[in-house]
C-alpha atoms as a PDB file:
ATOM      1  CA  MET A   1     -29.859 -50.690-154.163  1.00  0.00           C
ATOM      2  CA  MET A   2     -27.359 -52.043-151.716  1.00  0.00           C
ATOM      3  CA  ILE A   3     -26.847 -54.932-154.024  1.00  0.00           C
ATOM      4  CA  ASP A   4     -26.120 -52.511-156.862  1.00  0.00           C
ATOM      5  CA  VAL A   5     -23.729 -50.592-154.649  1.00  0.00           C
ATOM      6  CA  ILE A   6     -21.931 -53.763-153.652  1.00  0.00           C
ATOM      7  CA  ARG A   7     -21.818 -54.921-157.259  1.00  0.00           C
ATOM      8  CA  ASN A   8     -20.479 -51.573-158.429  1.00  0.00           C
ATOM      9  CA  THR A   9     -17.948 -51.580-155.621  1.00  0.00           C
ATOM     10  CA  MET A  10     -16.739 -55.038-156.632  1.00  0.00           C
ATOM     11  CA  ILE A  11     -16.525 -53.946-160.252  1.00  0.00           C
ATOM     12  CA  ILE A  12     -14.479 -50.949-159.220  1.00  0.00           C
ATOM     13  CA  HIS A  13     -12.122 -53.158-157.176  1.00  0.00           C
ATOM     14  CA  VAL A  14     -11.794 -55.597-160.045  1.00  0.00           C
ATOM     15  CA  MET A  15     -10.988 -52.774-162.439  1.00  0.00           C
ATOM     16  CA  ARG A  16      -8.510 -51.303-159.961  1.00  0.00           C
ATOM     17  CA  TYR A  17      -6.751 -54.631-159.484  1.00  0.00           C
ATOM     18  CA  THR A  18      -6.831 -55.188-163.236  1.00  0.00           C
ATOM     19  CA  MET A  19      -5.191 -51.828-163.766  1.00  0.00           C
ATOM     20  CA  MET A  20      -2.614 -52.596-161.069  1.00  0.00           C
ATOM     21  CA  ILE A  21      -1.864 -55.917-162.722  1.00  0.00           C
ATOM     22  CA  GLU A  22      -1.522 -54.170-166.068  1.00  0.00           C
ATOM     23  CA  VAL A  23       0.802 -51.624-164.531  1.00  0.00           C
ATOM     24  CA  LEU A  24       2.895 -54.365-162.939  1.00  0.00           C
ATOM     25  CA  ARG A  25       2.994 -56.293-166.197  1.00  0.00           C
ATOM     26  CA  ASN A  26       4.105 -53.220-168.105  1.00  0.00           C
ATOM     27  CA  THR A  27       6.681 -52.457-165.453  1.00  0.00           C
ATOM     28  CA  MET A  28       8.044 -55.977-165.671  1.00  0.00           C
ATOM     29  CA  MET A  29       8.175 -55.733-169.451  1.00  0.00           C
ATOM     30  CA  ILE A  30      10.046 -52.448-169.177  1.00  0.00           C
ATOM     31  CA  VAL A  31      12.493 -54.020-166.717  1.00  0.00           C
ATOM     32  CA  VAL A  32      12.969 -56.992-169.009  1.00  0.00           C
ATOM     33  CA  LEU A  33      13.558 -54.712-171.976  1.00  0.00           C
ATOM     34  CA  ARG A  34      15.970 -52.596-169.983  1.00  0.00           C
ATOM     35  CA  ASN A  35      17.912 -55.651-168.812  1.00  0.00           C
ATOM     36  CA  THR A  36      17.965 -56.993-172.362  1.00  0.00           C
ATOM     37  CA  MET A  37      19.345 -53.715-173.630  1.00  0.00           C
ATOM     38  CA  MET A  38      21.977 -53.694-170.894  1.00  0.00           C
ATOM     39  CA  ILE A  39      22.963 -57.242-171.786  1.00  0.00           C
ATOM     40  CA  GLU A  40      23.226 -56.223-175.443  1.00  0.00           C
ATOM     41  CA  VAL A  41      25.379 -53.221-174.527  1.00  0.00           C
ATOM     42  CA  ILE A  42      27.655 -55.393-172.384  1.00  0.00           C
ATOM     43  CA  ARG A  43      27.957 -57.974-175.151  1.00  0.00           C
ATOM     44  CA  ASN A  44      28.822 -55.327-177.733  1.00  0.00           C
ATOM     45  CA  THR A  45      31.356 -53.811-175.336  1.00  0.00           C
ATOM     46  CA  MET A  46      32.986 -57.178-174.822  1.00  0.00           C
ATOM     47  CA  ILE A  47      33.156 -57.746-178.566  1.00  0.00           C
ATOM     48  CA  ILE A  48      34.811 -54.350-179.004  1.00  0.00           C
ATOM     49  CA  HIS A  49      37.351 -55.195-176.271  1.00  0.00           C
ATOM     50  CA  VAL A  50      38.095 -58.552-177.865  1.00  0.00           C
ATOM     51  CA  ILE A  51      38.686 -56.905-181.235  1.00  0.00           C
ATOM     52  CA  ARG A  52      40.906 -54.249-179.656  1.00  0.00           C
ATOM     53  CA  TYR A  53      42.993 -56.811-177.759  1.00  0.00           C
ATOM     54  CA  THR A  54      43.262 -58.957-180.873  1.00  0.00           C
ATOM     55  CA  VAL A  55      44.604 -55.995-182.821  1.00  0.00           C
ATOM     56  CA  MET A  56      47.084 -55.185-180.030  1.00  0.00           C
ATOM     57  CA  ILE A  57      48.284 -58.804-179.914  1.00  0.00           C
ATOM     58  CA  GLU A  58      48.712 -58.787-183.687  1.00  0.00           C
ATOM     59  CA  VAL A  59      50.769 -55.596-183.539  1.00  0.00           C
ATOM     60  CA  ILE A  60      52.992 -57.013-180.777  1.00  0.00           C
ATOM     61  CA  ARG A  61      53.453 -60.275-182.664  1.00  0.00           C
ATOM     62  CA  ASN A  62      54.415 -58.474-185.840  1.00  0.00           C
ATOM     63  CA  ALA A  63      56.917 -56.362-183.905  1.00  0.00           C
ATOM     64  CA  MET A  64      58.441 -59.487-182.354  1.00  0.00           C
ATOM     65  CA  MET A  65      58.657 -61.230-185.720  1.00  0.00           C
ATOM     66  CA  LEU A  66      60.515 -58.320-187.294  1.00  0.00           C
ATOM     67  CA  GLU A  67      63.214 -58.140-184.563  1.00  0.00           C
ATOM     68  CA  ILE A  68      65.057 -55.240-186.172  1.00  0.00           C
ATOM     69  CA  TYR A  69      67.073 -53.110-183.769  1.00  0.00           C
ATOM     70  CA  HIS A  70      68.856 -49.843-184.339  1.00  0.00           C
ATOM     71  CA  ASP A  71      72.002 -48.792-182.544  1.00  0.00           C
ATOM     72  CA  ASP A  72      72.831 -45.311-181.338  1.00  0.00           C
ATOM     73  CA  ARG A  73      74.121 -44.278-184.756  1.00  0.00           C
ATOM     74  CA  GLY A  74      71.015 -45.507-186.556  1.00  0.00           C
ATOM     75  CA  ASN A  75      72.660 -48.604-188.023  1.00  0.00           C
ATOM     76  CA  LYS A  76      70.389 -51.615-188.243  1.00  0.00           C
ATOM     77  CA  ILE A  77      71.215 -54.602-186.072  1.00  0.00           C
ATOM     78  CA  TYR A  78      69.948 -57.989-187.207  1.00  0.00           C
ATOM     79  CA  HIS A  79      69.761 -61.269-185.312  1.00  0.00           C
ATOM     80  CA  ASP A  80      70.357 -64.589-187.020  1.00  0.00           C
ATOM     81  CA  ASP A  81      68.575 -67.864-186.295  1.00  0.00           C
ATOM     82  CA  ARG A  82      70.908 -68.668-183.397  1.00  0.00           C
ATOM     83  CA  GLY A  83      70.377 -65.308-181.730  1.00  0.00           C
ATOM     84  CA  ASN A  84      73.781 -63.943-182.660  1.00  0.00           C
ATOM     85  CA  LYS A  85      73.823 -60.274-183.509  1.00  0.00           C
ATOM     86  CA  ILE A  86      74.770 -59.340-187.059  1.00  0.00           C
ATOM     87  CA  PHE A  87      75.783 -55.765-187.737  1.00  0.00           C
ATOM     88  CA  HIS A  88      75.829 -54.154-191.152  1.00  0.00           C
ATOM     89  CA  ASP A  89      78.133 -51.276-191.918  1.00  0.00           C
ATOM     90  CA  ASN A  90      77.382 -48.466-194.328  1.00  0.00           C
ATOM     91  CA  ARG A  91      78.686 -50.492-197.258  1.00  0.00           C
ATOM     92  CA  GLY A  92      76.427 -53.441-196.492  1.00  0.00           C
ATOM     93  CA  ASN A  93      79.196 -55.691-195.217  1.00  0.00           C
ATOM     94  CA  LYS A  94      78.186 -57.885-192.298  1.00  0.00           C
ATOM     95  CA  LYS A  95      80.002 -57.535-188.991  1.00  0.00           C
ATOM     96  CA  TYR A  96      79.810 -60.337-186.439  1.00  0.00           C
ATOM     97  CA  TYR A  97      80.652 -60.179-182.757  1.00  0.00           C
ATOM     98  CA  ASP A  98      81.902 -63.259-180.915  1.00  0.00           C
ATOM     99  CA  GLU A  99      81.208 -64.117-177.291  1.00  0.00           C
ATOM    100  CA  ARG A 100      84.212 -62.112-176.116  1.00  0.00           C
ATOM    101  CA  GLY A 101      83.076 -59.001-177.959  1.00  0.00           C
ATOM    102  CA  ASN A 102      85.719 -59.258-180.676  1.00  0.00           C
ATOM    103  CA  LYS A 103      84.563 -58.188-184.103  1.00  0.00           C
ATOM    104  CA  LYS A 104      84.478 -60.791-186.853  1.00  0.00           C
ATOM    105  CA  TYR A 105      84.208 -59.772-190.465  1.00  0.00           C
ATOM    106  CA  HIS A 106      83.146 -62.042-193.308  1.00  0.00           C
ATOM    107  CA  ASP A 107      84.147 -61.468-196.905  1.00  0.00           C
ATOM    108  CA  ASP A 108      82.054 -62.329-199.947  1.00  0.00           C
ATOM    109  CA  ARG A 109      83.385 -65.903-199.997  1.00  0.00           C
ATOM    110  CA  GLY A 110      82.412 -66.532-196.379  1.00  0.00           C
ATOM    111  CA  ASN A 111      85.973 -66.432-195.061  1.00  0.00           C
ATOM    112  CA  LYS A 112      86.237 -64.867-191.621  1.00  0.00           C
ATOM    113  CA  LYS A 113      88.408 -61.815-191.106  1.00  0.00           C
ATOM    114  CA  TYR A 114      89.404 -60.811-187.605  1.00  0.00           C
ATOM    115  CA  HIS A 115      90.638 -57.435-186.426  1.00  0.00           C
ATOM    116  CA  ASP A 116      92.845 -57.053-183.385  1.00  0.00           C
ATOM    117  CA  ASP A 117      92.787 -54.155-180.948  1.00  0.00           C
ATOM    118  CA  SER A 118      95.277 -52.158-182.992  1.00  0.00           C
ATOM    119  CA  GLY A 119      93.167 -52.502-186.139  1.00  0.00           C
ATOM    120  CA  ASN A 120      95.373 -55.082-187.872  1.00  0.00           C
ATOM    121  CA  LYS A 121      93.470 -57.702-189.811  1.00  0.00           C
ATOM    122  CA  LYS A 122      93.817 -61.342-188.854  1.00  0.00           C
ATOM    123  CA  TYR A 123      92.935 -64.031-191.380  1.00  0.00           C
ATOM    124  CA  HIS A 124      92.261 -67.725-190.826  1.00  0.00           C
ATOM    125  CA  ASP A 125      93.143 -70.372-193.389  1.00  0.00           C
ATOM    126  CA  ASP A 126      91.078 -73.434-194.228  1.00  0.00           C
ATOM    127  CA  ARG A 127      92.682 -75.434-191.402  1.00  0.00           C
ATOM    128  CA  GLY A 128      91.839 -72.830-188.779  1.00  0.00           C
ATOM    129  CA  ASN A 129      95.391 -71.543-188.413  1.00  0.00           C
ATOM    130  CA  GLU A 130      95.601 -67.840-187.819  1.00  0.00           C
ATOM    131  CA  ILE A 131      97.314 -65.783-190.504  1.00  0.00           C
ATOM    132  CA  TYR A 132      98.465 -62.282-189.651  1.00  0.00           C
ATOM    133  CA  HIS A 133      99.178 -59.535-192.150  1.00  0.00           C
ATOM    134  CA  ASP A 134     101.478 -56.657-191.426  1.00  0.00           C
ATOM    135  CA  ASP A 135     101.156 -53.157-192.841  1.00  0.00           C
ATOM    136  CA  ARG A 136     103.043 -54.139-196.004  1.00  0.00           C
ATOM    137  CA  GLY A 137     100.769 -57.081-196.719  1.00  0.00           C
ATOM    138  CA  THR A 138     103.374 -59.700-195.802  1.00  0.00           C
ATOM    139  CA  LYS A 139     101.775 -62.749-194.233  1.00  0.00           C
ATOM    140  CA  LYS A 140     102.795 -63.761-190.727  1.00  0.00           C
ATOM    141  CA  TYR A 141     101.874 -67.143-189.308  1.00  0.00           C
ATOM    142  CA  HIS A 142     101.722 -68.112-185.650  1.00  0.00           C
ATOM    143  CA  ASP A 143     101.757 -71.729-184.498  1.00  0.00           C
ATOM    144  CA  ASP A 144     100.044 -73.114-181.407  1.00  0.00           C
ATOM    145  CA  SER A 145     103.057 -72.410-179.191  1.00  0.00           C
ATOM    146  CA  GLY A 146     103.087 -68.737-180.200  1.00  0.00           C
ATOM    147  CA  THR A 147     106.200 -69.067-182.367  1.00  0.00           C
ATOM    148  CA  LYS A 148     105.978 -66.836-185.397  1.00  0.00           C
ATOM    149  CA  LYS A 149     106.292 -68.367-188.835  1.00  0.00           C
ATOM    150  CA  TYR A 150     107.044 -66.097-191.762  1.00  0.00           C
ATOM    151  CA  HIS A 151     106.655 -66.714-195.467  1.00  0.00           C
ATOM    152  CA  ASP A 152     108.813 -64.954-198.027  1.00  0.00           C
ATOM    153  CA  ASP A 153     107.624 -63.557-201.354  1.00  0.00           C
ATOM    154  CA  ARG A 154     108.251 -66.890-203.116  1.00  0.00           C
ATOM    155  CA  GLY A 155     106.129 -68.834-200.623  1.00  0.00           C
ATOM    156  CA  ASN A 156     109.065 -70.467-198.853  1.00  0.00           C
ATOM    157  CA  LYS A 157     108.483 -70.860-195.149  1.00  0.00           C
ATOM    158  CA  LYS A 158     110.816 -69.196-192.666  1.00  0.00           C
ATOM    159  CA  TYR A 159     110.830 -70.454-189.106  1.00  0.00           C
ATOM    160  CA  HIS A 160     112.318 -68.891-186.009  1.00  0.00           C
ATOM    161  CA  ASP A 161     113.502 -71.004-183.122  1.00  0.00           C
ATOM    162  CA  TYR A 162     113.296 -70.016-179.487  1.00  0.00           C
ATOM    163  CA  THR A 163     116.700 -68.308-179.617  1.00  0.00           C
ATOM    164  CA  CYS A 164     115.561 -66.135-182.540  1.00  0.00           C
ATOM    165  CA  ASN A 165     117.811 -68.024-184.987  1.00  0.00           C
ATOM    166  CA  LYS A 166     116.238 -68.385-188.404  1.00  0.00           C
ATOM    167  CA  ILE A 167     115.527 -71.940-189.524  1.00  0.00           C
ATOM    168  CA  TYR A 168     114.740 -72.691-193.156  1.00  0.00           C
ATOM    169  CA  HIS A 169     113.227 -75.901-194.498  1.00  0.00           C
ATOM    170  CA  ASP A 170     113.839 -77.227-197.986  1.00  0.00           C
ATOM    171  CA  ASP A 171     111.298 -79.044-200.158  1.00  0.00           C
ATOM    172  CA  ARG A 172     112.168 -82.382-198.532  1.00  0.00           C
ATOM    173  CA  GLY A 173     111.627 -81.081-195.015  1.00  0.00           C
ATOM    174  CA  ASN A 174     115.330 -80.976-194.136  1.00  0.00           C
ATOM    175  CA  LYS A 175     116.309 -78.093-191.924  1.00  0.00           C
ATOM    176  CA  ILE A 176     118.628 -75.530-193.468  1.00  0.00           C
ATOM    177  CA  TYR A 177     120.418 -73.020-191.265  1.00  0.00           C
ATOM    178  CA  HIS A 178     121.885 -69.760-192.495  1.00  0.00           C
ATOM    179  CA  ASP A 179     124.612 -67.881-190.734  1.00  0.00           C
ATOM    180  CA  ASP A 180     125.019 -64.117-190.731  1.00  0.00           C
ATOM    181  CA  LYS A 181     127.049 -64.257-193.969  1.00  0.00           C
ATOM    182  CA  GLY A 182     124.406 -66.214-195.839  1.00  0.00           C
ATOM    183  CA  ASN A 183     126.291 -69.529-195.805  1.00  0.00           C
ATOM    184  CA  LYS A 184     124.079 -72.548-195.355  1.00  0.00           C
ATOM    185  CA  LYS A 185     124.558 -74.724-192.282  1.00  0.00           C
ATOM    186  CA  TYR A 186     123.329 -78.316-192.153  1.00  0.00           C
ATOM    187  CA  HIS A 187     123.077 -80.516-189.087  1.00  0.00           C
ATOM    188  CA  ASP A 188     123.240 -84.280-189.284  1.00  0.00           C
ATOM    189  CA  ASP A 189     121.345 -86.719-187.074  1.00  0.00           C
ATOM    190  CA  ARG A 190     124.136 -86.720-184.480  1.00  0.00           C
ATOM    191  CA  GLY A 191     124.133 -82.945-184.169  1.00  0.00           C
ATOM    192  CA  ASN A 192     127.367 -82.454-186.077  1.00  0.00           C
ATOM    193  CA  LYS A 193     127.420 -79.309-188.151  1.00  0.00           C
ATOM    194  CA  ILE A 194     127.930 -79.657-191.882  1.00  0.00           C
ATOM    195  CA  TYR A 195     128.882 -76.588-193.875  1.00  0.00           C
ATOM    196  CA  HIS A 196     128.533 -76.060-197.619  1.00  0.00           C
ATOM    197  CA  ASN A 197     130.758 -73.725-199.497  1.00  0.00           C
ATOM    198  CA  ASP A 198     129.735 -71.805-202.593  1.00  0.00           C
ATOM    199  CA  ARG A 199     130.624 -74.734-204.877  1.00  0.00           C
ATOM    200  CA  GLY A 200     128.490 -77.166-202.929  1.00  0.00           C
ATOM    201  CA  ASN A 201     131.369 -79.128-201.446  1.00  0.00           C
ATOM    202  CA  ILE A 202     130.648 -80.509-198.020  1.00  0.00           C
ATOM    203  CA  PHE A 203     132.998 -79.853-195.145  1.00  0.00           C
ATOM    204  CA  ILE A 204     132.436 -81.944-192.035  1.00  0.00           C
ATOM    205  CA  LEU A 205     133.928 -80.503-188.890  1.00  0.00           C
ATOM    206  CA  TYR A 206     135.119 -82.873-186.225  1.00  0.00           C
ATOM    207  CA  TYR A 207     136.624 -81.876-182.943  1.00  0.00           C
ATOM    208  CA  PHE A 208     139.217 -84.190-181.474  1.00  0.00           C
ATOM    209  CA  VAL A 209     140.575 -83.925-177.997  1.00  0.00           C
ATOM    210  CA  PHE A 210     144.136 -85.208-177.607  1.00  0.00           C
END
């Protein structure tokens, strides 16, 4: 009987250990499943974050590519390829600003039009010389030394010297001086004055000291 008791006791221990092993195995399986689920959740979360950041980067890139700014009045400000700001007015005409902040206007032909502080338009010719227009539309030219050059209605150039005397040039480039009465005054190479009367006769004036 003792042998039976011992055998039954051993069977009970074996069954108990078997059950404990089964419990441990199930517990380990549950832990593995739980860890696997956590890993899956983390992976899905990371994928969602990657998609969200990708969308944000795409939105930022699109905003940078557009580069359209609005000023305080709601007018659109565009930037050209060189980074210079181009402003459009209400009529669609482009307004450019130089490095000094002066406004530059371009017409349909690409010619630049400048405005001074008083609102007068300044035009530049093909050679880069500045052409000024007064209120009546008469063109005024300035040379590099600041001397004003005027053109009359027929296109003849009128020059002013430093003493404000008017100097006219003929087609051959010879200087023609006019006095207050409208008589033409010519100067020769030696500086002697030559006067013309109404008939075209030349009078040469010499001064002799006796």
